[in-house]
C-alpha atoms as a PDB file:
ATOM      1  CA  UNK A   1      10.467  -4.036  10.586  1.00  0.00           C
ATOM      2  CA  UNK A   2      10.571  -6.944  13.047  1.00  0.00           C
ATOM      3  CA  UNK A   3      11.927 -10.429  12.382  1.00  0.00           C
ATOM      4  CA  UNK A   4       8.514 -11.761  11.313  1.00  0.00           C
ATOM      5  CA  UNK A   5       7.941  -9.196   8.563  1.00  0.00           C
ATOM      6  CA  UNK A   6       8.786  -9.812   4.933  1.00  0.00           C
ATOM      7  CA  UNK A   7      10.801  -7.206   3.042  1.00  0.00           C
ATOM      8  CA  UNK A   8       8.978  -6.977  -0.292  1.00  0.00           C
ATOM      9  CA  UNK A   9      10.727  -3.845  -1.564  1.00  0.00           C
ATOM     10  CA  UNK A  10      13.316  -5.568  -3.781  1.00  0.00           C
ATOM     11  CA  UNK A  11      10.781  -7.951  -5.283  1.00  0.00           C
ATOM     12  CA  UNK A  12       8.286  -5.120  -5.840  1.00  0.00           C
ATOM     13  CA  UNK A  13      10.930  -3.017  -7.599  1.00  0.00           C
ATOM     14  CA  UNK A  14      11.451  -5.825 -10.103  1.00  0.00           C
ATOM     15  CA  UNK A  15       7.725  -6.536 -10.492  1.00  0.00           C
ATOM     16  CA  UNK A  16       6.473  -3.034 -11.170  1.00  0.00           C
ATOM     17  CA  UNK A  17       7.352   0.447 -12.362  1.00  0.00           C
ATOM     18  CA  UNK A  18       8.889   2.866  -9.889  1.00  0.00           C
ATOM     19  CA  UNK A  19       7.150   6.206  -9.457  1.00  0.00           C
ATOM     20  CA  UNK A  20       8.168   9.227  -7.379  1.00  0.00           C
ATOM     21  CA  UNK A  21       6.000  11.804  -5.644  1.00  0.00           C
ATOM     22  CA  UNK A  22       6.871  15.086  -3.955  1.00  0.00           C
ATOM     23  CA  UNK A  23       5.557  16.115  -0.531  1.00  0.00           C
ATOM     24  CA  UNK A  24       1.907  17.175  -0.670  1.00  0.00           C
ATOM     25  CA  UNK A  25       1.126  15.109  -3.777  1.00  0.00           C
ATOM     26  CA  UNK A  26      -1.894  12.828  -3.888  1.00  0.00           C
ATOM     27  CA  UNK A  27      -1.196   9.220  -4.915  1.00  0.00           C
ATOM     28  CA  UNK A  28      -4.911   8.371  -5.107  1.00  0.00           C
ATOM     29  CA  UNK A  29      -8.212   9.734  -3.802  1.00  0.00           C
ATOM     30  CA  UNK A  30     -10.995   8.059  -1.879  1.00  0.00           C
ATOM     31  CA  UNK A  31     -13.684   6.821  -4.270  1.00  0.00           C
ATOM     32  CA  UNK A  32     -11.409   6.417  -7.292  1.00  0.00           C
ATOM     33  CA  UNK A  33     -11.194   3.020  -8.993  1.00  0.00           C
ATOM     34  CA  UNK A  34      -8.268   0.995  -7.727  1.00  0.00           C
ATOM     35  CA  UNK A  35      -6.335  -0.315 -10.702  1.00  0.00           C
ATOM     36  CA  UNK A  36      -3.029  -0.806  -8.859  1.00  0.00           C
ATOM     37  CA  UNK A  37      -1.384  -0.952  -5.462  1.00  0.00           C
ATOM     38  CA  UNK A  38       1.974   0.363  -4.271  1.00  0.00           C
ATOM     39  CA  UNK A  39       4.883  -0.758  -2.096  1.00  0.00           C
ATOM     40  CA  UNK A  40       6.592   2.187  -0.383  1.00  0.00           C
ATOM     41  CA  UNK A  41      10.312   2.109  -1.209  1.00  0.00           C
ATOM     42  CA  UNK A  42      11.168   5.338   0.634  1.00  0.00           C
ATOM     43  CA  UNK A  43       9.370   8.300   2.162  1.00  0.00           C
ATOM     44  CA  UNK A  44       6.130   8.574   4.099  1.00  0.00           C
ATOM     45  CA  UNK A  45       2.485   8.399   2.978  1.00  0.00           C
ATOM     46  CA  UNK A  46      -0.500   9.534   5.035  1.00  0.00           C
ATOM     47  CA  UNK A  47      -3.772   7.681   4.591  1.00  0.00           C
ATOM     48  CA  UNK A  48      -6.724  10.045   5.028  1.00  0.00           C
ATOM     49  CA  UNK A  49     -10.463   9.808   5.380  1.00  0.00           C
ATOM     50  CA  UNK A  50     -11.690  13.338   4.914  1.00  0.00           C
ATOM     51  CA  UNK A  51      -9.087  15.519   6.621  1.00  0.00           C
ATOM     52  CA  UNK A  52      -8.278  12.934   9.299  1.00  0.00           C
ATOM     53  CA  UNK A  53      -5.013  10.970   9.092  1.00  0.00           C
ATOM     54  CA  UNK A  54      -5.911   7.367   9.880  1.00  0.00           C
ATOM     55  CA  UNK A  55      -2.496   5.836   9.239  1.00  0.00           C
ATOM     56  CA  UNK A  56       1.049   6.666   8.139  1.00  0.00           C
ATOM     57  CA  UNK A  57       2.874   4.220   5.859  1.00  0.00           C
ATOM     58  CA  UNK A  58       6.630   4.082   5.346  1.00  0.00           C
ATOM     59  CA  UNK A  59       9.184   1.874   3.621  1.00  0.00           C
ATOM     60  CA  UNK A  60       8.137  -1.733   2.958  1.00  0.00           C
ATOM     61  CA  UNK A  61       4.467  -0.981   3.538  1.00  0.00           C
ATOM     62  CA  UNK A  62       1.711  -1.560   0.988  1.00  0.00           C
ATOM     63  CA  UNK A  63      -0.968   0.970   0.107  1.00  0.00           C
ATOM     64  CA  UNK A  64      -3.973   0.592  -2.161  1.00  0.00           C
ATOM     65  CA  UNK A  65      -4.115  -3.195  -1.913  1.00  0.00           C
ATOM     66  CA  UNK A  66      -7.706  -3.439  -0.671  1.00  0.00           C
ATOM     67  CA  UNK A  67      -9.010  -2.451  -4.115  1.00  0.00           C
ATOM     68  CA  UNK A  68      -6.879  -5.218  -5.613  1.00  0.00           C
ATOM     69  CA  UNK A  69      -8.523  -7.747  -3.293  1.00  0.00           C
ATOM     70  CA  UNK A  70     -12.195  -6.745  -3.604  1.00  0.00           C
ATOM     71  CA  UNK A  71     -12.405  -4.556  -6.728  1.00  0.00           C
ATOM     72  CA  UNK A  72     -14.130  -1.755  -4.788  1.00  0.00           C
ATOM     73  CA  UNK A  73     -13.151   1.924  -5.126  1.00  0.00           C
ATOM     74  CA  UNK A  74     -10.420   3.372  -2.914  1.00  0.00           C
ATOM     75  CA  UNK A  75     -11.517   3.575   0.741  1.00  0.00           C
ATOM     76  CA  UNK A  76      -9.135   6.417   1.611  1.00  0.00           C
ATOM     77  CA  UNK A  77      -6.913   9.105   0.109  1.00  0.00           C
ATOM     78  CA  UNK A  78      -3.126   8.624   0.025  1.00  0.00           C
ATOM     79  CA  UNK A  79      -1.211  11.906   0.476  1.00  0.00           C
ATOM     80  CA  UNK A  80       2.580  12.166   0.414  1.00  0.00           C
ATOM     81  CA  UNK A  81       3.960  13.483   3.716  1.00  0.00           C
ATOM     82  CA  UNK A  82       7.652  13.162   2.743  1.00  0.00           C
ATOM     83  CA  UNK A  83       8.997  12.791  -0.811  1.00  0.00           C
ATOM     84  CA  UNK A  84       8.666   9.138  -1.725  1.00  0.00           C
ATOM     85  CA  UNK A  85       9.434   6.424  -4.211  1.00  0.00           C
ATOM     86  CA  UNK A  86       6.772   3.770  -4.769  1.00  0.00           C
ATOM     87  CA  UNK A  87       6.731   0.510  -6.709  1.00  0.00           C
ATOM     88  CA  UNK A  88       3.488   0.194  -8.670  1.00  0.00           C
ATOM     89  CA  UNK A  89       1.879  -3.255  -8.861  1.00  0.00           C
ATOM     90  CA  UNK A  90      -0.983  -3.503 -11.379  1.00  0.00           C
ATOM     91  CA  UNK A  91      -3.903  -5.962 -11.137  1.00  0.00           C
ATOM     92  CA  UNK A  92      -2.292  -8.566 -13.400  1.00  0.00           C
ATOM     93  CA  UNK A  93       0.977  -8.564 -11.432  1.00  0.00           C
ATOM     94  CA  UNK A  94      -0.932  -8.560  -8.149  1.00  0.00           C
ATOM     95  CA  UNK A  95      -2.838 -11.721  -9.160  1.00  0.00           C
ATOM     96  CA  UNK A  96       0.369 -13.353 -10.379  1.00  0.00           C
ATOM     97  CA  UNK A  97       2.144 -12.517  -7.108  1.00  0.00           C
ATOM     98  CA  UNK A  98      -0.727 -13.866  -4.984  1.00  0.00           C
ATOM     99  CA  UNK A  99      -0.791 -17.095  -7.030  1.00  0.00           C
ATOM    100  CA  UNK A 100       2.955 -17.642  -7.445  1.00  0.00           C
ATOM    101  CA  UNK A 101       4.675 -15.902  -4.504  1.00  0.00           C
ATOM    102  CA  UNK A 102       3.367 -17.322  -1.205  1.00  0.00           C
ATOM    103  CA  UNK A 103       5.242 -14.723   0.838  1.00  0.00           C
ATOM    104  CA  UNK A 104       3.374 -11.967  -1.004  1.00  0.00           C
ATOM    105  CA  UNK A 105      -0.030 -13.351   0.008  1.00  0.00           C
ATOM    106  CA  UNK A 106       1.194 -13.595   3.622  1.00  0.00           C
ATOM    107  CA  UNK A 107       2.498 -10.041   3.383  1.00  0.00           C
ATOM    108  CA  UNK A 108      -0.892  -8.718   2.207  1.00  0.00           C
ATOM    109  CA  UNK A 109      -2.792 -10.715   4.855  1.00  0.00           C
ATOM    110  CA  UNK A 110      -0.428  -9.390   7.535  1.00  0.00           C
ATOM    111  CA  UNK A 111      -0.966  -5.806   6.365  1.00  0.00           C
ATOM    112  CA  UNK A 112      -4.739  -6.297   6.432  1.00  0.00           C
ATOM    113  CA  UNK A 113      -4.613  -7.812   9.918  1.00  0.00           C
ATOM    114  CA  UNK A 114      -2.502  -4.918  11.266  1.00  0.00           C
ATOM    115  CA  UNK A 115      -4.917  -2.376   9.836  1.00  0.00           C
ATOM    116  CA  UNK A 116      -7.998  -4.150  11.217  1.00  0.00           C
ATOM    117  CA  UNK A 117      -6.364  -4.429  14.652  1.00  0.00           C
ATOM    118  CA  UNK A 118      -5.386  -0.764  14.505  1.00  0.00           C
ATOM    119  CA  UNK A 119      -8.938   0.263  13.660  1.00  0.00           C
ATOM    120  CA  UNK A 120     -10.421  -1.861  16.448  1.00  0.00           C
ATOM    121  CA  UNK A 121      -7.948  -0.437  19.008  1.00  0.00           C
ATOM    122  CA  UNK A 122      -8.848   3.103  17.934  1.00  0.00           C
ATOM    123  CA  UNK A 123     -12.542   2.508  18.747  1.00  0.00           C
END
């Protein structure tokens, strides 16, 4: 994490339930409805399209947030690479955080920008 990044882990722990997953578990599958997002507290998650790993996400990174923004089904599968602990943020809490916690909206926009830049550099 560099000096410009926001550490959302503590806030996310208070805002949502904490769930744990063992290595090899699936957090969500591509095409499923997205009723929540997650903040990685510890461990490592691989984001997959088919069998291809498109991104790895570790502590203080958000996964599943695109469905919170646009209501569309999951665009990728999230598979646990290393045992992890995730804070679950449901749709109601997500909307509240976007409306009431300016740093959260910046955090989500930053995550989206990094992913778009990463995809464009991979082309």
